[in-house]
Amino acid sequence: MKLIQIIRKIFTLIIAVIQFTVFILINTPTLNCQPNTKQERDRSFYYFYGEKGYTEAHILPTLHQDSIDLLIMFRISNDALAFTQNKLLNHFIAYPNLEIVIKDADGIIRKRSIWLDTVIVFNYDKTTSKTEFTRAFQVFRMPAGKYNVGINYSENNNLFGKKISIDTDSLSEFQAKEIISKPLFVYSPFDSSEVFVPYLLGGCIGFTQEVPKAILRMSYKKGKEYNFSYIIEKLPSPKTELAWKGDINLTGKPVLLENTFLKAFRNNSEKTIFINFESMTQIPQSKLSQGLLLINFPKSKFSPGKYRMKVCATGLDTSTFDFEVKWEDLPISLRNVDYAIDMMYYVLSDDEYEEMKSGSPKEKFSKLLDWWAKQDPTNTTPFNEAMSEYFKRVDYAYFNYQTLSEKDGAKSDRGKIYVLKGPPDKIDRRLEENASFEIWSYSRLNKEYVFKSVSAGVIRLAEIKDLK
């Protein structure tokens, strides 16, 4: 009998150890975003937040009438880079290698340049980040002509998509005729209005908290009085797309900066491009002067969608430009309106939930935006910080708390607490009484949430305690 009891105890202990091991293996999230939980790593490689590489090209004036400077800017997300670990220095390092090729209209290579850089991060999660970037630029002196600009990345030649076509034949027109060029969209990261950061989204504006600006190159007659104006209208959304709030007819007056040109410089430590204005110390010998039009948009009136901007000036044809406002890191869970409303069940009353679930997809989406507008801490802008944070938590919970038995981690007990309370300050795991436990501590809430593994891949909230 004693032998049987001993065997039973050993068997029970083995089963408990196996359960705990399975609990750790299939339930451990993988993101290092929570304070004091450096062992946690996010499964962020599941997320997709747009393109890994973007490039833009803009024409800059020179003192020579027969040539221009071609400014080529590009950015690469960290997850497109090939990082290796340096254990001695305790960091991860990548050596991006880009080839920039400029061909003329006949396909003949006119310029070729190799860009090399070194990127160092101290956290594994940053090596797979899709929201952290390396930005850089190069400037090429070119004669007037039509060009195709291609960027090849040693790790992935398709990273930057199709080639950019640049037509500088208008250079002679620019020097002989009053012309307004395409816009460069930027924002100011500081209180100063003299330094800007380009969005670098392929000619689009990012849907963020920043206030966008547009900079347009212009040739003008010195001494002539110009009356500038612009109007921006939001274009109708396709029937297959959900319509964001914020249809606008925006008007205003650009400011002409005479004898001024753009200059790009780079913060090598932050891998960021900055743009500022510089005055021409020498004036090109031309009938027309070169300058910039600066458009300071009102505090962000733009919601995601497509827009048309018309710029007018005395005696000039209206210049028309189409552009898009992109929410690049739009949470995955917000891209499907039915799933988004399902995940709002945690914060809606039963009546609100049933009402929001009724109607067409566009009607549902409109109700969703209206509800979140009431929760917006800065309701002077279309960008809703509360809504963005909520659905980013849903994304995180979906992937990091899914198990073999609970396919949608956001609908699990741990997912619910993460969505409602955010990341815990501390996570402890332990085995006691033949059961596996996971304890989340929130010092700011003075609460401790205890989760218990009730079977393989099923974890339930067992208890909520006050912190001692």
Protein backbone atom coordinates (compact mmCIF):
# COMPACT_ATOMS: atom_id res chain seq x y z
CA MET A 1 0.00 0.00 0.00
CA LYS A 2 2.79 2.42 0.90
CA LEU A 3 4.49 1.70 -2.43
CA ILE A 4 1.26 2.44 -4.29
CA GLN A 5 0.82 5.72 -2.37
CA ILE A 6 4.40 6.72 -3.18
CA ILE A 7 3.86 5.90 -6.88
CA ARG A 8 0.63 7.93 -6.87
CA LYS A 9 2.40 10.94 -5.32
CA ILE A 10 5.23 10.70 -7.84
CA PHE A 11 2.74 10.38 -10.67
CA THR A 12 0.75 13.40 -9.38
CA LEU A 13 3.93 15.44 -9.12
CA ILE A 14 4.98 14.49 -12.67
CA ILE A 15 1.55 15.49 -14.01
CA ALA A 16 1.80 18.86 -12.20
CA VAL A 17 5.28 19.52 -13.60
CA ILE A 18 4.07 18.63 -17.10
CA GLN A 19 1.09 20.97 -16.72
CA PHE A 20 3.32 23.79 -15.55
CA THR A 21 5.74 23.20 -18.43
CA VAL A 22 2.92 23.22 -20.97
CA PHE A 23 1.53 26.35 -19.31
CA ILE A 24 4.86 28.14 -19.75
CA LEU A 25 5.45 26.93 -23.30
CA ILE A 26 2.08 27.69 -24.84
CA ASN A 27 0.90 30.59 -22.74
CA THR A 28 3.98 32.74 -22.39
CA PRO A 29 3.59 36.05 -24.25
CA THR A 30 6.63 37.37 -26.04
CA LEU A 31 6.76 41.16 -25.77
CA ASN A 32 9.26 43.19 -23.81
CA CYS A 33 6.97 46.19 -23.43
CA GLN A 34 5.96 45.71 -19.81
CA PRO A 35 8.04 47.30 -17.10
CA ASN A 36 9.98 44.82 -14.99
CA THR A 37 9.14 41.88 -17.26
CA LYS A 38 12.19 41.83 -19.52
CA GLN A 39 11.79 38.13 -20.16
CA GLU A 40 8.51 38.80 -22.01
CA ARG A 41 8.66 39.24 -25.78
CA ASP A 42 5.90 40.39 -28.08
CA ARG A 43 4.77 38.26 -30.99
CA SER A 44 4.90 41.44 -33.08
CA PHE A 45 6.04 39.62 -36.18
CA TYR A 46 2.35 38.81 -36.68
CA TYR A 47 1.47 42.47 -36.99
CA PHE A 48 1.45 44.27 -40.34
CA TYR A 49 1.59 48.05 -40.37
CA GLY A 50 2.00 48.98 -44.03
CA GLU A 51 5.17 48.97 -46.10
CA LYS A 52 8.64 48.15 -44.77
CA GLY A 53 10.27 50.70 -47.06
CA TYR A 54 9.25 54.08 -48.47
CA THR A 55 11.07 56.51 -50.70
CA GLU A 56 10.39 60.01 -52.02
CA ALA A 57 12.22 62.22 -54.53
CA HIS A 58 12.08 66.02 -54.73
CA ILE A 59 13.79 68.58 -56.94
CA LEU A 60 15.92 71.29 -55.36
CA PRO A 61 17.11 74.40 -57.24
CA THR A 62 20.78 75.18 -57.90
CA LEU A 63 22.67 78.25 -59.05
CA HIS A 64 23.08 76.65 -62.46
CA GLN A 65 20.30 77.05 -64.99
CA ASP A 66 20.90 73.69 -66.67
CA SER A 67 20.91 71.42 -63.60
CA ILE A 68 19.05 70.54 -60.45
CA ASP A 69 19.73 68.72 -57.21
CA LEU A 70 17.68 65.55 -56.85
CA LEU A 71 16.87 64.86 -53.19
CA ILE A 72 16.10 61.17 -52.61
CA MET A 73 14.85 60.27 -49.12
CA PHE A 74 14.09 56.77 -47.87
CA ARG A 75 13.22 54.90 -44.72
CA ILE A 76 13.41 51.24 -43.69
CA SER A 77 11.61 49.57 -40.80
CA ASN A 78 13.72 47.60 -38.34
CA ASP A 79 12.08 44.30 -39.20
CA ALA A 80 13.44 44.61 -42.76
CA LEU A 81 17.02 44.73 -41.46
CA ALA A 82 19.23 41.69 -40.82
CA PHE A 83 20.33 42.05 -37.19
CA THR A 84 22.95 39.91 -35.51
CA GLN A 85 23.69 39.73 -31.80
CA ASN A 86 26.95 40.99 -30.34
CA LYS A 87 27.05 39.21 -26.98
CA LEU A 88 30.27 40.92 -25.93
CA LEU A 89 28.80 44.42 -26.23
CA ASN A 90 25.27 43.26 -25.35
CA HIS A 91 23.53 44.75 -28.38
CA PHE A 92 22.14 43.85 -31.80
CA ILE A 93 23.64 45.30 -34.95
CA ALA A 94 22.62 45.58 -38.62
CA TYR A 95 24.46 46.93 -41.66
CA PRO A 96 21.86 48.08 -44.23
CA ASN A 97 23.22 48.26 -47.76
CA LEU A 98 21.21 50.12 -50.42
CA GLU A 99 22.01 50.70 -54.08
CA ILE A 100 20.45 53.81 -55.63
CA VAL A 101 20.26 53.69 -59.44
CA ILE A 102 19.12 56.63 -61.60
CA LYS A 103 18.35 55.83 -65.24
CA ASP A 104 17.37 58.18 -68.04
CA ALA A 105 14.40 57.75 -70.38
CA ASP A 106 16.44 55.37 -72.57
CA GLY A 107 17.27 53.10 -69.62
CA ILE A 108 20.89 54.21 -69.46
CA ILE A 109 22.32 54.43 -65.95
CA ARG A 110 23.32 58.03 -65.22
CA LYS A 111 24.05 57.72 -61.51
CA ARG A 112 24.70 54.83 -59.17
CA SER A 113 25.43 55.14 -55.47
CA ILE A 114 25.85 52.72 -52.57
CA TRP A 115 24.49 53.80 -49.19
CA LEU A 116 25.82 52.03 -46.10
CA ASP A 117 24.87 52.49 -42.47
CA THR A 118 25.16 50.86 -39.05
CA VAL A 119 22.07 50.39 -36.87
CA ILE A 120 22.47 49.36 -33.22
CA VAL A 121 19.65 48.49 -30.80
CA PHE A 122 19.87 47.15 -27.27
CA ASN A 123 16.60 45.24 -27.14
CA TYR A 124 15.66 42.16 -29.15
CA ASP A 125 12.11 43.40 -29.71
CA LYS A 126 13.43 46.44 -31.55
CA THR A 127 15.06 44.18 -34.13
CA THR A 128 11.61 43.07 -35.31
CA SER A 129 9.82 46.40 -34.84
CA LYS A 130 7.62 47.57 -37.70
CA THR A 131 7.15 51.03 -36.19
CA GLU A 132 10.79 52.05 -35.70
CA PHE A 133 12.74 53.19 -38.73
CA THR A 134 16.09 54.16 -40.14
CA ARG A 135 15.78 57.25 -42.33
CA ALA A 136 18.40 58.67 -44.68
CA PHE A 137 18.80 60.67 -47.89
CA GLN A 138 21.16 61.35 -50.76
CA VAL A 139 21.45 64.32 -53.13
CA PHE A 140 22.46 64.02 -56.79
CA ARG A 141 23.35 66.88 -59.18
CA MET A 142 21.56 66.10 -62.46
CA PRO A 143 20.95 67.82 -65.83
CA ALA A 144 17.36 68.37 -66.95
CA GLY A 145 15.71 65.19 -68.20
CA LYS A 146 13.36 62.33 -67.42
CA TYR A 147 14.62 59.79 -64.89
CA ASN A 148 13.61 56.62 -63.12
CA VAL A 149 14.95 56.19 -59.59
CA GLY A 150 15.28 52.66 -58.23
CA ILE A 151 16.47 51.59 -54.79
CA ASN A 152 17.69 48.03 -54.27
CA TYR A 153 18.16 46.63 -50.78
CA SER A 154 20.72 43.84 -50.46
CA GLU A 155 18.35 41.76 -48.29
CA ASN A 156 15.21 42.37 -50.38
CA ASN A 157 15.26 44.02 -53.80
CA ASN A 158 11.45 44.42 -53.75
CA LEU A 159 11.46 46.31 -50.47
CA PHE A 160 10.75 49.73 -52.01
CA GLY A 161 8.28 48.55 -54.61
CA LYS A 162 8.10 50.19 -58.02
CA LYS A 163 10.60 52.74 -59.26
CA ILE A 164 9.94 56.49 -58.96
CA SER A 165 9.61 58.49 -62.17
CA ILE A 166 11.07 62.00 -62.05
CA ASP A 167 10.58 64.46 -64.89
CA THR A 168 12.99 67.40 -64.62
CA ASP A 169 12.37 68.55 -68.21
CA SER A 170 10.14 71.18 -66.62
CA LEU A 171 13.35 72.74 -65.30
CA SER A 172 13.56 75.07 -68.32
CA GLU A 173 9.88 75.97 -67.84
CA PHE A 174 10.56 76.54 -64.15
CA GLN A 175 13.19 79.11 -65.04
CA ALA A 176 11.07 80.77 -67.70
CA LYS A 177 7.56 80.48 -66.27
CA GLU A 178 5.87 80.95 -62.90
CA ILE A 179 5.26 77.39 -61.64
CA ILE A 180 4.29 75.71 -58.36
CA SER A 181 5.70 72.22 -57.79
CA LYS A 182 4.27 69.19 -55.99
CA PRO A 183 4.13 69.38 -52.16
CA LEU A 184 6.48 67.88 -49.61
CA PHE A 185 4.48 67.04 -46.47
CA VAL A 186 6.23 67.60 -43.16
CA TYR A 187 5.53 68.25 -39.48
CA SER A 188 7.40 70.13 -36.80
CA PRO A 189 8.63 67.95 -33.90
CA PHE A 190 9.62 70.96 -31.81
CA ASP A 191 8.06 74.26 -30.84
CA SER A 192 10.35 75.88 -33.39
CA SER A 193 8.76 76.33 -36.81
CA GLU A 194 12.12 76.33 -38.57
CA VAL A 195 12.90 72.60 -38.41
CA PHE A 196 10.66 69.92 -39.92
CA VAL A 197 10.49 66.15 -40.31
CA PRO A 198 9.18 64.68 -43.59
CA TYR A 199 6.47 62.06 -43.19
CA LEU A 200 8.21 59.88 -45.79
CA LEU A 201 5.06 57.93 -46.64
CA GLY A 202 5.35 57.96 -50.40
CA GLY A 203 3.91 61.47 -50.69
CA CYS A 204 1.18 60.93 -48.08
CA ILE A 205 0.44 62.59 -44.74
CA GLY A 206 0.57 60.41 -41.63
CA PHE A 207 -2.57 60.28 -39.48
CA THR A 208 -0.96 61.21 -36.16
CA GLN A 209 -1.12 63.83 -33.44
CA GLU A 210 1.28 66.10 -35.35
CA VAL A 211 0.04 69.11 -37.30
CA PRO A 212 1.00 68.69 -40.97
CA LYS A 213 2.48 71.34 -43.23
CA ALA A 214 3.08 71.46 -46.98
CA ILE A 215 6.14 72.92 -48.67
CA LEU A 216 5.96 73.65 -52.41
CA ARG A 217 8.77 74.93 -54.61
CA MET A 218 7.83 77.99 -56.71
CA SER A 219 9.33 80.19 -59.38
CA TYR A 220 8.02 83.76 -59.19
CA LYS A 221 8.56 87.28 -60.51
CA LYS A 222 10.44 89.41 -58.06
CA GLY A 223 8.47 92.51 -57.06
CA LYS A 224 5.14 91.10 -58.24
CA GLU A 225 2.29 91.13 -55.75
CA TYR A 226 0.74 87.68 -55.45
CA ASN A 227 -2.55 86.77 -53.89
CA PHE A 228 -2.23 83.14 -52.79
CA SER A 229 -4.97 80.79 -51.65
CA TYR A 230 -5.57 77.08 -51.34
CA ILE A 231 -8.58 74.85 -50.95
CA ILE A 232 -8.61 71.21 -49.86
CA GLU A 233 -11.56 68.89 -50.26
CA LYS A 234 -11.94 65.30 -49.15
CA LEU A 235 -12.71 62.92 -51.98
CA PRO A 236 -15.58 60.41 -51.64
CA SER A 237 -14.61 57.05 -50.18
CA PRO A 238 -15.10 53.98 -52.39
CA LYS A 239 -18.21 52.00 -51.53
CA THR A 240 -16.04 49.11 -50.36
CA GLU A 241 -14.20 51.26 -47.78
CA LEU A 242 -15.37 52.44 -44.38
CA ALA A 243 -15.79 56.22 -44.23
CA TRP A 244 -13.94 58.15 -41.53
CA LYS A 245 -15.43 61.23 -39.96
CA GLY A 246 -14.03 64.61 -40.89
CA ASP A 247 -15.15 65.52 -44.41
CA ILE A 248 -13.70 68.98 -44.98
CA ASN A 249 -13.47 71.94 -47.28
CA LEU A 250 -10.37 73.61 -45.93
CA THR A 251 -9.18 76.98 -47.17
CA GLY A 252 -6.27 79.24 -46.33
CA LYS A 253 -3.38 81.33 -47.61
CA PRO A 254 0.12 79.99 -48.30
CA VAL A 255 3.14 82.11 -47.38
CA LEU A 256 5.82 82.83 -50.00
CA LEU A 257 9.38 82.51 -48.70
CA GLU A 258 11.46 84.42 -51.24
CA ASN A 259 14.94 83.29 -52.34
CA THR A 260 14.66 80.29 -50.05
CA PHE A 261 15.38 76.62 -50.62
CA LEU A 262 15.13 73.37 -48.68
CA LYS A 263 18.09 71.73 -47.03
CA ALA A 264 18.06 68.22 -45.59
CA PHE A 265 20.28 67.03 -42.76
CA ARG A 266 20.37 63.87 -40.68
CA ASN A 267 20.61 63.06 -37.00
CA ASN A 268 22.82 59.98 -37.26
CA SER A 269 22.17 58.80 -33.72
CA GLU A 270 18.38 58.96 -34.10
CA LYS A 271 18.44 57.92 -37.78
CA THR A 272 16.05 60.79 -38.56
CA ILE A 273 15.90 63.28 -41.44
CA PHE A 274 15.26 66.95 -40.73
CA ILE A 275 14.36 69.69 -43.20
CA ASN A 276 15.03 73.40 -42.73
CA PHE A 277 15.02 76.57 -44.82
CA GLU A 278 18.09 78.39 -46.05
CA SER A 279 18.35 81.69 -47.89
CA MET A 280 20.16 81.78 -51.23
CA THR A 281 23.38 83.75 -50.77
CA GLN A 282 23.71 83.92 -54.54
CA ILE A 283 20.75 84.47 -56.85
CA PRO A 284 20.68 82.36 -60.03
CA GLN A 285 20.88 84.37 -63.27
CA SER A 286 17.31 83.92 -64.41
CA LYS A 287 14.26 85.96 -65.30
CA LEU A 288 12.49 84.40 -62.34
CA SER A 289 13.37 83.97 -58.70
CA GLN A 290 13.18 80.72 -56.73
CA GLY A 291 11.34 80.35 -53.45
CA LEU A 292 9.04 78.19 -51.38
CA LEU A 293 5.36 78.25 -50.55
CA LEU A 294 4.65 77.22 -46.96
CA ILE A 295 1.17 76.04 -46.05
CA ASN A 296 0.46 75.83 -42.32
CA PHE A 297 -2.66 73.72 -42.03
CA PRO A 298 -4.99 74.34 -39.09
CA LYS A 299 -4.53 71.97 -36.17
CA SER A 300 -5.02 68.57 -37.73
CA LYS A 301 -8.32 68.53 -39.55
CA PHE A 302 -7.43 65.46 -41.55
CA SER A 303 -8.88 61.99 -41.02
CA PRO A 304 -7.75 58.97 -43.06
CA GLY A 305 -8.77 59.20 -46.70
CA LYS A 306 -7.96 60.78 -50.05
CA TYR A 307 -7.89 64.53 -50.65
CA ARG A 308 -7.47 67.07 -53.45
CA MET A 309 -5.58 70.32 -52.90
CA LYS A 310 -5.80 73.29 -55.27
CA VAL A 311 -3.27 76.13 -54.98
CA CYS A 312 -4.08 79.42 -56.67
CA ALA A 313 -1.96 82.51 -57.27
CA THR A 314 -2.52 85.75 -59.15
CA GLY A 315 -2.09 85.25 -62.89
CA LEU A 316 -1.19 81.56 -62.61
CA ASP A 317 -3.07 78.43 -63.58
CA THR A 318 -4.47 76.55 -60.61
CA SER A 319 -2.11 73.79 -59.44
CA THR A 320 -3.93 70.62 -58.38
CA PHE A 321 -2.46 67.84 -56.25
CA ASP A 322 -4.07 64.65 -54.95
CA PHE A 323 -2.77 63.12 -51.73
CA GLU A 324 -3.75 60.65 -49.05
CA VAL A 325 -3.82 60.68 -45.26
CA LYS A 326 -2.70 57.28 -43.98
CA TRP A 327 -3.05 55.80 -40.52
CA GLU A 328 0.03 53.69 -41.01
CA ASP A 329 -0.12 51.74 -37.73
CA LEU A 330 -3.90 51.40 -37.74
CA PRO A 331 -4.62 48.60 -35.22
CA ILE A 332 -5.47 45.34 -36.95
CA SER A 333 -8.53 44.87 -34.74
CA LEU A 334 -9.97 48.19 -35.95
CA ARG A 335 -9.82 47.22 -39.62
CA ASN A 336 -12.83 44.92 -39.31
CA VAL A 337 -15.80 46.83 -37.90
CA ASP A 338 -17.66 43.72 -36.65
CA TYR A 339 -14.65 42.43 -34.73
CA ALA A 340 -13.90 45.93 -33.40
CA ILE A 341 -17.42 46.21 -31.99
CA ASP A 342 -17.16 42.69 -30.52
CA MET A 343 -14.05 43.80 -28.66
CA MET A 344 -15.86 46.87 -27.30
CA TYR A 345 -18.20 44.59 -25.36
CA TYR A 346 -15.88 45.12 -22.37
CA VAL A 347 -16.68 48.86 -22.25
CA LEU A 348 -20.24 49.05 -23.66
CA SER A 349 -23.52 48.52 -21.91
CA ASP A 350 -25.73 45.75 -23.31
CA ASP A 351 -28.01 48.31 -24.96
CA GLU A 352 -25.07 50.21 -26.48
CA TYR A 353 -23.59 46.98 -27.78
CA GLU A 354 -26.81 45.83 -29.46
CA GLU A 355 -27.38 49.26 -30.99
CA MET A 356 -23.83 49.45 -32.36
CA LYS A 357 -24.15 45.97 -33.90
CA SER A 358 -27.15 47.03 -36.01
CA GLY A 359 -27.02 48.61 -39.46
CA SER A 360 -24.71 48.48 -42.48
CA PRO A 361 -20.92 48.32 -42.07
CA LYS A 362 -20.63 52.08 -42.69
CA GLU A 363 -23.40 52.80 -40.17
CA LYS A 364 -21.72 50.58 -37.59
CA PHE A 365 -18.39 52.28 -38.16
CA SER A 366 -20.00 55.70 -37.80
CA LYS A 367 -21.53 54.67 -34.45
CA LEU A 368 -18.18 53.31 -33.31
CA LEU A 369 -16.42 56.60 -34.11
CA ASP A 370 -19.19 58.61 -32.42
CA TRP A 371 -18.84 56.58 -29.21
CA TRP A 372 -15.08 56.98 -29.11
CA ALA A 373 -15.33 60.71 -29.87
CA LYS A 374 -16.99 61.07 -26.44
CA GLN A 375 -14.00 59.34 -24.81
CA ASP A 376 -11.35 61.36 -26.68
CA PRO A 377 -9.07 63.26 -24.28
CA THR A 378 -8.12 65.74 -27.06
CA ASN A 379 -11.30 66.06 -29.10
CA THR A 380 -9.92 69.03 -31.05
CA THR A 381 -8.23 66.63 -33.49
CA PRO A 382 -9.56 63.67 -35.48
CA PHE A 383 -6.82 61.43 -34.08
CA ASN A 384 -8.35 59.70 -31.07
CA GLU A 385 -5.68 58.65 -28.57
CA ALA A 386 -8.10 56.67 -26.40
CA MET A 387 -9.44 54.62 -29.33
CA SER A 388 -5.94 54.02 -30.70
CA GLU A 389 -4.61 52.80 -27.35
CA TYR A 390 -7.63 50.55 -26.73
CA PHE A 391 -7.36 48.70 -30.03
CA LYS A 392 -3.57 48.45 -29.83
CA ARG A 393 -4.14 46.59 -26.57
CA VAL A 394 -6.63 44.35 -28.35
CA ASP A 395 -4.00 43.56 -30.99
CA TYR A 396 -1.42 42.76 -28.34
CA ALA A 397 -3.82 40.57 -26.36
CA TYR A 398 -5.05 38.72 -29.44
CA PHE A 399 -1.59 37.40 -30.30
CA ASN A 400 0.12 37.21 -26.93
CA TYR A 401 -2.61 35.50 -24.91
CA GLN A 402 -3.87 33.05 -27.49
CA THR A 403 -3.30 29.39 -26.63
CA LEU A 404 -4.08 26.06 -28.24
CA SER A 405 -7.49 26.18 -26.56
CA GLU A 406 -8.13 29.94 -26.61
CA LYS A 407 -7.55 31.01 -30.21
CA ASP A 408 -8.44 34.68 -29.66
CA GLY A 409 -6.24 35.95 -26.85
CA ALA A 410 -8.18 39.22 -26.62
CA LYS A 411 -11.28 37.27 -25.56
CA SER A 412 -9.46 35.30 -22.87
CA ASP A 413 -9.47 36.32 -19.19
CA ARG A 414 -5.90 37.60 -19.43
CA GLY A 415 -6.76 39.42 -22.65
CA LYS A 416 -9.74 41.14 -21.03
CA ILE A 417 -7.66 42.44 -18.13
CA TYR A 418 -4.88 43.58 -20.48
CA VAL A 419 -7.35 45.45 -22.71
CA LEU A 420 -9.04 47.15 -19.76
CA LYS A 421 -6.06 47.77 -17.47
CA GLY A 422 -3.05 47.83 -19.78
CA PRO A 423 0.29 46.08 -19.22
CA PRO A 424 0.97 44.93 -15.65
CA ASP A 425 3.97 46.28 -13.77
CA LYS A 426 5.06 42.75 -12.86
CA ILE A 427 4.26 39.18 -13.83
CA ASP A 428 5.04 36.20 -11.58
CA ARG A 429 4.47 32.54 -12.36
CA ARG A 430 4.46 29.76 -9.84
CA LEU A 431 3.32 26.21 -9.23
CA GLU A 432 1.45 25.35 -6.07
CA GLU A 433 -1.13 22.80 -5.01
CA ASN A 434 -0.59 20.94 -8.28
CA ALA A 435 -1.81 23.97 -10.26
CA SER A 436 -0.08 26.66 -12.33
CA PHE A 437 -0.66 30.34 -11.47
CA GLU A 438 0.18 33.63 -13.17
CA ILE A 439 0.01 36.78 -11.03
CA TRP A 440 -0.24 40.26 -12.55
CA SER A 441 0.57 43.20 -10.26
CA TYR A 442 -0.57 46.78 -10.91
CA SER A 443 1.03 49.19 -8.43
CA ARG A 444 -0.95 52.18 -9.78
CA LEU A 445 -4.22 50.31 -9.16
CA ASN A 446 -3.03 48.65 -5.96
CA LYS A 447 -4.40 45.40 -7.40
CA GLU A 448 -3.15 41.91 -8.09
CA TYR A 449 -4.88 39.64 -10.62
CA VAL A 450 -4.36 35.91 -10.13
CA PHE A 451 -4.86 33.62 -13.13
CA LYS A 452 -5.06 29.86 -12.81
CA SER A 453 -4.49 27.22 -15.49
CA VAL A 454 -7.57 25.02 -15.21
CA SER A 455 -6.58 22.76 -18.11
CA ALA A 456 -4.08 22.68 -20.97
CA GLY A 457 -4.30 26.06 -22.70
CA VAL A 458 -7.25 27.33 -20.62
CA ILE A 459 -6.46 30.04 -18.09
CA ARG A 460 -9.06 31.68 -15.90
CA LEU A 461 -9.06 34.69 -13.60
CA ALA A 462 -9.18 33.08 -10.18
CA GLU A 463 -8.89 36.00 -7.78
CA ILE A 464 -8.42 39.79 -7.52
CA LYS A 465 -6.43 40.97 -4.48
CA ASP A 466 -5.42 44.27 -2.98
CA LEU A 467 -1.65 44.73 -2.96
CA LYS A 468 -0.15 44.70 0.51
